[in-house]
N, C-alpha and C. Protein backbone atom coordinates (compact mmCIF):
# COMPACT_ATOMS: atom_id res chain seq x y z
N MET A 1 -6.02 -17.60 -8.24
CA MET A 1 -5.30 -16.46 -7.67
C MET A 1 -4.68 -16.90 -6.36
N PRO A 2 -3.40 -16.62 -6.13
CA PRO A 2 -2.78 -17.01 -4.87
C PRO A 2 -3.36 -16.24 -3.70
N LYS A 3 -3.52 -16.94 -2.61
CA LYS A 3 -4.07 -16.33 -1.41
C LYS A 3 -2.99 -15.52 -0.70
N ARG A 4 -3.36 -14.31 -0.26
CA ARG A 4 -2.47 -13.48 0.53
C ARG A 4 -3.08 -13.34 1.90
N GLU A 5 -2.23 -13.29 2.90
CA GLU A 5 -2.73 -13.08 4.24
C GLU A 5 -2.99 -11.59 4.42
N ARG A 6 -4.25 -11.25 4.63
CA ARG A 6 -4.64 -9.86 4.76
C ARG A 6 -5.87 -9.82 5.66
N GLU A 7 -5.88 -8.88 6.56
CA GLU A 7 -7.04 -8.71 7.42
C GLU A 7 -7.88 -7.58 6.86
N ILE A 8 -9.08 -7.90 6.41
CA ILE A 8 -9.97 -6.93 5.80
C ILE A 8 -11.32 -6.98 6.50
N VAL A 9 -11.83 -5.82 6.82
CA VAL A 9 -13.20 -5.73 7.31
C VAL A 9 -14.04 -5.23 6.15
N LEU A 10 -14.99 -6.02 5.74
CA LEU A 10 -15.83 -5.69 4.59
C LEU A 10 -17.25 -5.47 5.09
N LEU A 11 -17.72 -4.26 4.93
CA LEU A 11 -19.09 -3.93 5.31
C LEU A 11 -19.96 -3.93 4.06
N SER A 12 -21.03 -4.67 4.11
CA SER A 12 -21.91 -4.80 2.96
C SER A 12 -23.34 -4.47 3.35
N LYS A 13 -24.06 -3.83 2.45
CA LYS A 13 -25.45 -3.49 2.74
C LYS A 13 -26.37 -4.70 2.64
N THR A 14 -25.96 -5.66 1.86
CA THR A 14 -26.81 -6.83 1.71
C THR A 14 -26.17 -8.02 2.40
N SER A 15 -26.96 -8.70 3.18
CA SER A 15 -26.46 -9.91 3.84
C SER A 15 -26.79 -11.13 3.01
N LEU A 16 -27.29 -10.93 1.81
CA LEU A 16 -27.71 -12.03 0.96
C LEU A 16 -26.64 -12.44 -0.05
N LEU A 17 -25.39 -12.02 0.15
CA LEU A 17 -24.33 -12.41 -0.76
C LEU A 17 -24.03 -13.89 -0.60
N SER A 18 -23.89 -14.56 -1.71
CA SER A 18 -23.50 -15.97 -1.66
C SER A 18 -22.00 -16.06 -1.37
N GLU A 19 -21.55 -17.24 -1.05
CA GLU A 19 -20.12 -17.45 -0.77
C GLU A 19 -19.28 -17.10 -2.00
N GLU A 20 -19.77 -17.47 -3.18
CA GLU A 20 -19.02 -17.19 -4.41
C GLU A 20 -18.93 -15.68 -4.66
N ALA A 21 -20.02 -14.97 -4.44
CA ALA A 21 -20.03 -13.52 -4.64
C ALA A 21 -19.11 -12.82 -3.64
N LEU A 22 -19.13 -13.29 -2.41
CA LEU A 22 -18.25 -12.71 -1.39
C LEU A 22 -16.79 -12.97 -1.72
N GLU A 23 -16.47 -14.18 -2.17
CA GLU A 23 -15.09 -14.52 -2.54
C GLU A 23 -14.64 -13.68 -3.73
N ARG A 24 -15.52 -13.48 -4.71
CA ARG A 24 -15.19 -12.65 -5.88
C ARG A 24 -14.95 -11.20 -5.45
N GLU A 25 -15.77 -10.72 -4.53
CA GLU A 25 -15.61 -9.35 -4.01
C GLU A 25 -14.26 -9.18 -3.32
N LEU A 26 -13.88 -10.17 -2.51
CA LEU A 26 -12.60 -10.10 -1.80
C LEU A 26 -11.42 -10.20 -2.76
N CYS A 27 -11.53 -11.01 -3.79
CA CYS A 27 -10.46 -11.11 -4.79
C CYS A 27 -10.29 -9.80 -5.55
N ASP A 28 -11.40 -9.17 -5.93
CA ASP A 28 -11.33 -7.88 -6.62
C ASP A 28 -10.72 -6.81 -5.72
N LEU A 29 -11.10 -6.82 -4.47
CA LEU A 29 -10.55 -5.86 -3.51
C LEU A 29 -9.06 -6.09 -3.31
N ASP A 30 -8.63 -7.34 -3.28
CA ASP A 30 -7.22 -7.66 -3.12
C ASP A 30 -6.41 -7.17 -4.33
N VAL A 31 -6.96 -7.30 -5.53
CA VAL A 31 -6.27 -6.81 -6.73
C VAL A 31 -6.10 -5.29 -6.67
N ILE A 32 -7.14 -4.59 -6.25
CA ILE A 32 -7.07 -3.13 -6.12
C ILE A 32 -6.01 -2.73 -5.10
N LEU A 33 -5.99 -3.42 -3.97
CA LEU A 33 -5.02 -3.09 -2.93
C LEU A 33 -3.60 -3.43 -3.33
N GLN A 34 -3.40 -4.50 -4.10
CA GLN A 34 -2.06 -4.84 -4.58
C GLN A 34 -1.52 -3.74 -5.48
N GLN A 35 -2.38 -3.18 -6.33
CA GLN A 35 -1.94 -2.11 -7.21
C GLN A 35 -1.62 -0.84 -6.42
N ALA A 36 -2.43 -0.56 -5.41
CA ALA A 36 -2.24 0.66 -4.62
C ALA A 36 -1.02 0.56 -3.71
N GLU A 37 -0.63 -0.66 -3.33
CA GLU A 37 0.48 -0.84 -2.41
C GLU A 37 1.80 -1.16 -3.11
N SER A 38 1.88 -0.99 -4.40
CA SER A 38 3.09 -1.32 -5.15
C SER A 38 4.19 -0.27 -4.87
N PRO A 39 5.44 -0.66 -5.03
CA PRO A 39 6.54 0.28 -4.79
C PRO A 39 6.51 1.50 -5.71
N GLY A 40 6.06 1.33 -6.95
CA GLY A 40 5.97 2.46 -7.87
C GLY A 40 4.99 3.52 -7.41
N VAL A 41 3.84 3.09 -6.95
CA VAL A 41 2.83 4.02 -6.44
C VAL A 41 3.34 4.66 -5.14
N PHE A 42 4.02 3.87 -4.32
CA PHE A 42 4.60 4.41 -3.09
C PHE A 42 5.57 5.54 -3.41
N ALA A 43 6.43 5.34 -4.43
CA ALA A 43 7.42 6.36 -4.79
C ALA A 43 6.76 7.62 -5.33
N LYS A 44 5.61 7.49 -5.99
CA LYS A 44 4.92 8.65 -6.53
C LYS A 44 4.20 9.45 -5.45
N THR A 45 3.78 8.78 -4.39
CA THR A 45 2.93 9.44 -3.39
C THR A 45 3.64 9.81 -2.11
N HIS A 46 4.94 9.55 -2.00
CA HIS A 46 5.67 9.88 -0.78
C HIS A 46 6.94 10.65 -1.12
N GLU A 47 7.45 11.32 -0.12
CA GLU A 47 8.77 11.95 -0.22
C GLU A 47 9.48 11.70 1.10
N LEU A 48 10.80 11.66 1.03
CA LEU A 48 11.61 11.40 2.20
C LEU A 48 12.24 12.70 2.66
N VAL A 49 11.94 13.07 3.87
CA VAL A 49 12.53 14.28 4.44
C VAL A 49 13.70 13.84 5.30
N ARG A 50 14.87 14.29 4.89
CA ARG A 50 16.07 14.00 5.66
C ARG A 50 16.38 15.22 6.51
N ARG A 51 17.46 15.15 7.18
CA ARG A 51 17.81 16.23 8.12
C ARG A 51 17.92 17.58 7.42
N ASN A 52 18.51 17.61 6.23
CA ASN A 52 18.76 18.90 5.57
C ASN A 52 18.02 19.10 4.25
N TYR A 53 17.40 18.06 3.72
CA TYR A 53 16.72 18.23 2.44
C TYR A 53 15.64 17.19 2.23
N ILE A 54 14.88 17.38 1.15
CA ILE A 54 13.77 16.50 0.81
C ILE A 54 14.14 15.73 -0.46
N THR A 55 13.90 14.42 -0.46
CA THR A 55 14.20 13.57 -1.60
C THR A 55 12.90 13.11 -2.24
N ARG A 56 12.82 13.27 -3.56
CA ARG A 56 11.67 12.77 -4.32
C ARG A 56 12.11 11.77 -5.38
N ASN A 57 13.35 11.31 -5.31
CA ASN A 57 13.91 10.38 -6.28
C ASN A 57 13.18 9.03 -6.20
N PRO A 58 12.50 8.62 -7.28
CA PRO A 58 11.71 7.38 -7.22
C PRO A 58 12.53 6.13 -6.93
N GLU A 59 13.73 6.03 -7.50
CA GLU A 59 14.55 4.84 -7.26
C GLU A 59 14.98 4.76 -5.79
N PHE A 60 15.34 5.86 -5.21
CA PHE A 60 15.73 5.88 -3.80
C PHE A 60 14.54 5.54 -2.91
N LEU A 61 13.37 6.07 -3.25
CA LEU A 61 12.17 5.79 -2.46
C LEU A 61 11.74 4.33 -2.58
N LYS A 62 11.96 3.71 -3.74
CA LYS A 62 11.65 2.29 -3.87
C LYS A 62 12.55 1.46 -2.97
N ASN A 63 13.82 1.86 -2.82
CA ASN A 63 14.71 1.15 -1.89
C ASN A 63 14.26 1.34 -0.46
N ILE A 64 13.79 2.52 -0.12
CA ILE A 64 13.27 2.81 1.22
C ILE A 64 12.03 1.96 1.51
N PHE A 65 11.23 1.69 0.47
CA PHE A 65 10.00 0.91 0.61
C PHE A 65 10.26 -0.45 1.26
N TYR A 66 11.41 -1.05 0.96
CA TYR A 66 11.71 -2.39 1.45
C TYR A 66 12.46 -2.39 2.78
N ARG A 67 12.86 -1.25 3.28
CA ARG A 67 13.54 -1.18 4.58
C ARG A 67 12.55 -1.34 5.71
N HIS A 68 13.00 -1.92 6.79
CA HIS A 68 12.12 -2.09 7.94
C HIS A 68 12.18 -0.89 8.87
N ARG A 69 13.33 -0.23 8.91
CA ARG A 69 13.47 0.95 9.78
C ARG A 69 14.20 2.04 9.02
N LEU A 70 13.83 3.27 9.29
CA LEU A 70 14.52 4.41 8.70
C LEU A 70 15.64 4.85 9.63
N LYS A 71 16.60 5.53 9.06
CA LYS A 71 17.68 6.08 9.88
C LYS A 71 17.14 7.22 10.74
N SER A 72 17.92 7.63 11.71
CA SER A 72 17.51 8.74 12.57
C SER A 72 17.32 10.01 11.76
N PHE A 73 16.27 10.74 12.07
CA PHE A 73 15.93 12.01 11.42
C PHE A 73 15.59 11.85 9.95
N TRP A 74 15.08 10.68 9.55
CA TRP A 74 14.52 10.46 8.22
C TRP A 74 13.02 10.26 8.42
N PHE A 75 12.21 10.96 7.64
CA PHE A 75 10.77 10.89 7.81
C PHE A 75 10.11 10.71 6.43
N LEU A 76 9.21 9.74 6.33
CA LEU A 76 8.42 9.56 5.13
C LEU A 76 7.14 10.35 5.27
N ILE A 77 6.85 11.17 4.27
CA ILE A 77 5.66 12.02 4.32
C ILE A 77 4.86 11.80 3.05
N GLY A 78 3.56 11.59 3.20
CA GLY A 78 2.68 11.44 2.04
C GLY A 78 2.45 12.80 1.39
N LYS A 79 2.41 12.82 0.08
CA LYS A 79 2.25 14.09 -0.64
C LYS A 79 0.84 14.66 -0.57
N ASN A 80 -0.13 13.85 -0.23
CA ASN A 80 -1.49 14.36 -0.23
C ASN A 80 -1.67 15.20 0.98
């Protein structure tokens, strides 16, 4: 599995995890986070509030996902 740079704090009840078990745990956690951070999931869980209306268009939201900055008076809001 390719390594991704990610800062994760992992709290575990047992300090007796071997290196292999800890590495497997981190790989599983990385897979879960990759799925949760995908553009498709982002488009399902967010909406874009513009100055005069709200956009829920998944294709438009996927394009917004890759932008570094939003235009003035554009706000991303989580649906939860």
